[in-house]
Amino acid sequence: MNDHIEWVLEMNIQDGMADAVQPLVDEMVTATKVNEAGALAYEYHLTEDGTRCTVLERYADNDAVLTHLDNFGTYFAERFLTVFAPVRFTVYGPSNDLVRAALAPFGATFESRVSGFHRM
């Protein structure tokens, strides 16, 4: 087993914000890739009708999650919540109390790993 924390965040796109999605996610992906070595995967997916977006994220450990959340809060949270309305947020892996407390305001639910593996 590893210490990876990963999540699936499903969001609706707020009314009138469709044109803001691509520029915002491009900026966030670039910033995360450049500034967060502990971010192992960070992918946005959009439904064909452009009304819903899902982000898949994987972090090396709890510290990497907290680094990401600090950067998100500092640079992106306000714009993000203007563009997206979270619908479902499921976090997988051995998240600690700090991560759980930081993600709770977004409605996150948590599931602990009981078995499995990753191939790279």
C-alpha atoms as a PDB file:
ATOM      1  CA  MET A   1       0.000   0.000   0.000  1.00  0.00           C
ATOM      2  CA  ASN A   2       1.006   3.618  -0.379  1.00  0.00           C
ATOM      3  CA  ASP A   3       0.076   6.949   1.177  1.00  0.00           C
ATOM      4  CA  HIS A   4      -1.672   8.303  -1.910  1.00  0.00           C
ATOM      5  CA  ILE A   5      -4.780  10.404  -1.395  1.00  0.00           C
ATOM      6  CA  GLU A   6      -7.068  10.690  -4.392  1.00  0.00           C
ATOM      7  CA  TRP A   7     -10.471  12.100  -5.086  1.00  0.00           C
ATOM      8  CA  VAL A   8     -13.256  12.511  -7.561  1.00  0.00           C
ATOM      9  CA  LEU A   9     -15.028  15.868  -7.495  1.00  0.00           C
ATOM     10  CA  GLU A  10     -18.151  16.190  -9.634  1.00  0.00           C
ATOM     11  CA  MET A  11     -19.426  19.692 -10.313  1.00  0.00           C
ATOM     12  CA  ASN A  12     -22.109  21.492 -12.242  1.00  0.00           C
ATOM     13  CA  ILE A  13     -21.041  24.503 -14.248  1.00  0.00           C
ATOM     14  CA  GLN A  14     -22.748  27.613 -12.941  1.00  0.00           C
ATOM     15  CA  ASP A  15     -25.211  29.352 -15.270  1.00  0.00           C
ATOM     16  CA  GLY A  16     -23.477  31.688 -17.671  1.00  0.00           C
ATOM     17  CA  MET A  17     -19.986  30.449 -16.777  1.00  0.00           C
ATOM     18  CA  ALA A  18     -19.308  27.955 -19.582  1.00  0.00           C
ATOM     19  CA  ASP A  19     -16.793  30.256 -21.288  1.00  0.00           C
ATOM     20  CA  ALA A  20     -14.814  30.612 -18.059  1.00  0.00           C
ATOM     21  CA  VAL A  21     -14.203  26.879 -17.598  1.00  0.00           C
ATOM     22  CA  GLN A  22     -11.310  26.273 -19.999  1.00  0.00           C
ATOM     23  CA  PRO A  23      -9.203  29.315 -19.066  1.00  0.00           C
ATOM     24  CA  LEU A  24      -9.585  28.596 -15.351  1.00  0.00           C
ATOM     25  CA  VAL A  25      -8.786  24.883 -15.536  1.00  0.00           C
ATOM     26  CA  ASP A  26      -5.834  25.524 -17.853  1.00  0.00           C
ATOM     27  CA  GLU A  27      -4.414  27.997 -15.336  1.00  0.00           C
ATOM     28  CA  MET A  28      -5.011  25.625 -12.421  1.00  0.00           C
ATOM     29  CA  VAL A  29      -3.483  22.624 -14.202  1.00  0.00           C
ATOM     30  CA  THR A  30      -0.378  24.594 -15.153  1.00  0.00           C
ATOM     31  CA  ALA A  31       0.072  26.001 -11.637  1.00  0.00           C
ATOM     32  CA  THR A  32      -0.401  22.592 -10.034  1.00  0.00           C
ATOM     33  CA  LYS A  33       2.004  20.869 -12.426  1.00  0.00           C
ATOM     34  CA  VAL A  34       4.712  23.518 -12.026  1.00  0.00           C
ATOM     35  CA  ASN A  35       4.430  24.198  -8.285  1.00  0.00           C
ATOM     36  CA  GLU A  36       3.323  20.936  -6.670  1.00  0.00           C
ATOM     37  CA  ALA A  37       5.664  17.977  -7.035  1.00  0.00           C
ATOM     38  CA  GLY A  38       3.371  15.912  -4.795  1.00  0.00           C
ATOM     39  CA  ALA A  39       0.473  16.218  -7.242  1.00  0.00           C
ATOM     40  CA  LEU A  40       0.629  12.905  -9.107  1.00  0.00           C
ATOM     41  CA  ALA A  41      -2.486  13.264 -11.266  1.00  0.00           C
ATOM     42  CA  TYR A  42      -4.730  16.247 -11.933  1.00  0.00           C
ATOM     43  CA  GLU A  43      -7.306  15.867 -14.706  1.00  0.00           C
ATOM     44  CA  TYR A  44     -10.491  17.714 -15.640  1.00  0.00           C
ATOM     45  CA  HIS A  45     -13.223  16.074 -17.724  1.00  0.00           C
ATOM     46  CA  LEU A  46     -16.236  17.820 -19.256  1.00  0.00           C
ATOM     47  CA  THR A  47     -19.549  16.269 -20.324  1.00  0.00           C
ATOM     48  CA  GLU A  48     -20.426  16.515 -24.001  1.00  0.00           C
ATOM     49  CA  ASP A  49     -23.178  19.033 -23.283  1.00  0.00           C
ATOM     50  CA  GLY A  50     -20.764  21.210 -21.272  1.00  0.00           C
ATOM     51  CA  THR A  51     -22.907  21.351 -18.133  1.00  0.00           C
ATOM     52  CA  ARG A  52     -20.889  19.152 -15.784  1.00  0.00           C
ATOM     53  CA  CYS A  53     -17.207  18.804 -14.964  1.00  0.00           C
ATOM     54  CA  THR A  54     -15.351  16.104 -13.048  1.00  0.00           C
ATOM     55  CA  VAL A  55     -11.849  16.477 -11.650  1.00  0.00           C
ATOM     56  CA  LEU A  56      -9.709  13.476 -10.757  1.00  0.00           C
ATOM     57  CA  GLU A  57      -6.818  14.222  -8.421  1.00  0.00           C
ATOM     58  CA  ARG A  58      -4.104  12.081  -6.830  1.00  0.00           C
ATOM     59  CA  TYR A  59      -1.512  13.251  -4.314  1.00  0.00           C
ATOM     60  CA  ALA A  60       1.566  11.539  -2.901  1.00  0.00           C
ATOM     61  CA  ASP A  61       0.431  11.985   0.701  1.00  0.00           C
ATOM     62  CA  ASN A  62      -1.418  14.209   3.160  1.00  0.00           C
ATOM     63  CA  ASP A  63       1.288  16.896   3.028  1.00  0.00           C
ATOM     64  CA  ALA A  64       0.918  17.135  -0.751  1.00  0.00           C
ATOM     65  CA  VAL A  65      -2.855  17.535  -0.343  1.00  0.00           C
ATOM     66  CA  LEU A  66      -2.377  20.336   2.179  1.00  0.00           C
ATOM     67  CA  THR A  67       0.089  22.100  -0.142  1.00  0.00           C
ATOM     68  CA  HIS A  68      -2.456  21.896  -2.944  1.00  0.00           C
ATOM     69  CA  LEU A  69      -5.273  23.161  -0.759  1.00  0.00           C
ATOM     70  CA  ASP A  70      -3.159  26.091   0.411  1.00  0.00           C
ATOM     71  CA  ASN A  71      -2.389  27.055  -3.197  1.00  0.00           C
ATOM     72  CA  PHE A  72      -6.010  26.525  -4.214  1.00  0.00           C
ATOM     73  CA  GLY A  73      -7.274  28.731  -1.398  1.00  0.00           C
ATOM     74  CA  THR A  74      -4.748  31.461  -2.099  1.00  0.00           C
ATOM     75  CA  TYR A  75      -5.049  31.648  -5.889  1.00  0.00           C
ATOM     76  CA  PHE A  76      -8.169  29.914  -7.168  1.00  0.00           C
ATOM     77  CA  ALA A  77     -10.962  29.201  -4.660  1.00  0.00           C
ATOM     78  CA  GLU A  78     -13.021  32.326  -5.260  1.00  0.00           C
ATOM     79  CA  ARG A  79     -12.988  32.001  -9.062  1.00  0.00           C
ATOM     80  CA  PHE A  80     -13.435  28.223  -8.869  1.00  0.00           C
ATOM     81  CA  LEU A  81     -16.615  28.510  -6.805  1.00  0.00           C
ATOM     82  CA  THR A  82     -17.931  31.182  -9.170  1.00  0.00           C
ATOM     83  CA  VAL A  83     -17.552  28.801 -12.120  1.00  0.00           C
ATOM     84  CA  PHE A  84     -18.352  25.445 -10.475  1.00  0.00           C
ATOM     85  CA  ALA A  85     -20.957  24.150  -8.029  1.00  0.00           C
ATOM     86  CA  PRO A  86     -19.713  20.970  -6.314  1.00  0.00           C
ATOM     87  CA  VAL A  87     -22.244  18.127  -6.449  1.00  0.00           C
ATOM     88  CA  ARG A  88     -20.330  15.108  -5.124  1.00  0.00           C
ATOM     89  CA  PHE A  89     -16.866  14.879  -3.607  1.00  0.00           C
ATOM     90  CA  THR A  90     -15.393  11.509  -2.622  1.00  0.00           C
ATOM     91  CA  VAL A  91     -11.907  11.227  -1.150  1.00  0.00           C
ATOM     92  CA  TYR A  92     -10.051   7.903  -1.182  1.00  0.00           C
ATOM     93  CA  GLY A  93      -7.056   6.817   0.876  1.00  0.00           C
ATOM     94  CA  PRO A  94      -5.478   7.441   4.269  1.00  0.00           C
ATOM     95  CA  SER A  95      -6.471  11.080   4.756  1.00  0.00           C
ATOM     96  CA  ASN A  96      -5.529  12.530   8.117  1.00  0.00           C
ATOM     97  CA  ASP A  97      -7.580  14.829  10.364  1.00  0.00           C
ATOM     98  CA  LEU A  98      -6.108  18.007   8.842  1.00  0.00           C
ATOM     99  CA  VAL A  99      -7.056  16.946   5.310  1.00  0.00           C
ATOM    100  CA  ARG A 100     -10.508  15.857   6.434  1.00  0.00           C
ATOM    101  CA  ALA A 101     -11.120  19.171   8.183  1.00  0.00           C
ATOM    102  CA  ALA A 102      -9.887  21.156   5.169  1.00  0.00           C
ATOM    103  CA  LEU A 103     -12.131  19.275   2.728  1.00  0.00           C
ATOM    104  CA  ALA A 104     -15.234  19.035   4.914  1.00  0.00           C
ATOM    105  CA  PRO A 105     -16.561  22.499   3.897  1.00  0.00           C
ATOM    106  CA  PHE A 106     -16.728  21.232   0.296  1.00  0.00           C
ATOM    107  CA  GLY A 107     -18.996  18.356   1.340  1.00  0.00           C
ATOM    108  CA  ALA A 108     -16.316  15.684   1.002  1.00  0.00           C
ATOM    109  CA  THR A 109     -16.994  12.133   2.070  1.00  0.00           C
ATOM    110  CA  PHE A 110     -14.106   9.811   2.867  1.00  0.00           C
ATOM    111  CA  GLU A 111     -13.402   6.168   2.089  1.00  0.00           C
ATOM    112  CA  SER A 112     -10.462   4.205   3.476  1.00  0.00           C
ATOM    113  CA  ARG A 113      -8.496   1.807   1.305  1.00  0.00           C
ATOM    114  CA  VAL A 114      -8.908  -1.804   2.328  1.00  0.00           C
ATOM    115  CA  SER A 115      -6.982  -3.496  -0.495  1.00  0.00           C
ATOM    116  CA  GLY A 116      -5.610  -2.981  -3.983  1.00  0.00           C
ATOM    117  CA  PHE A 117      -2.591  -1.795  -5.973  1.00  0.00           C
ATOM    118  CA  HIS A 118      -1.452   0.766  -8.533  1.00  0.00           C
ATOM    119  CA  ARG A 119       0.545   0.036 -11.644  1.00  0.00           C
ATOM    120  CA  MET A 120       2.572   2.830 -13.182  1.00  0.00           C
END
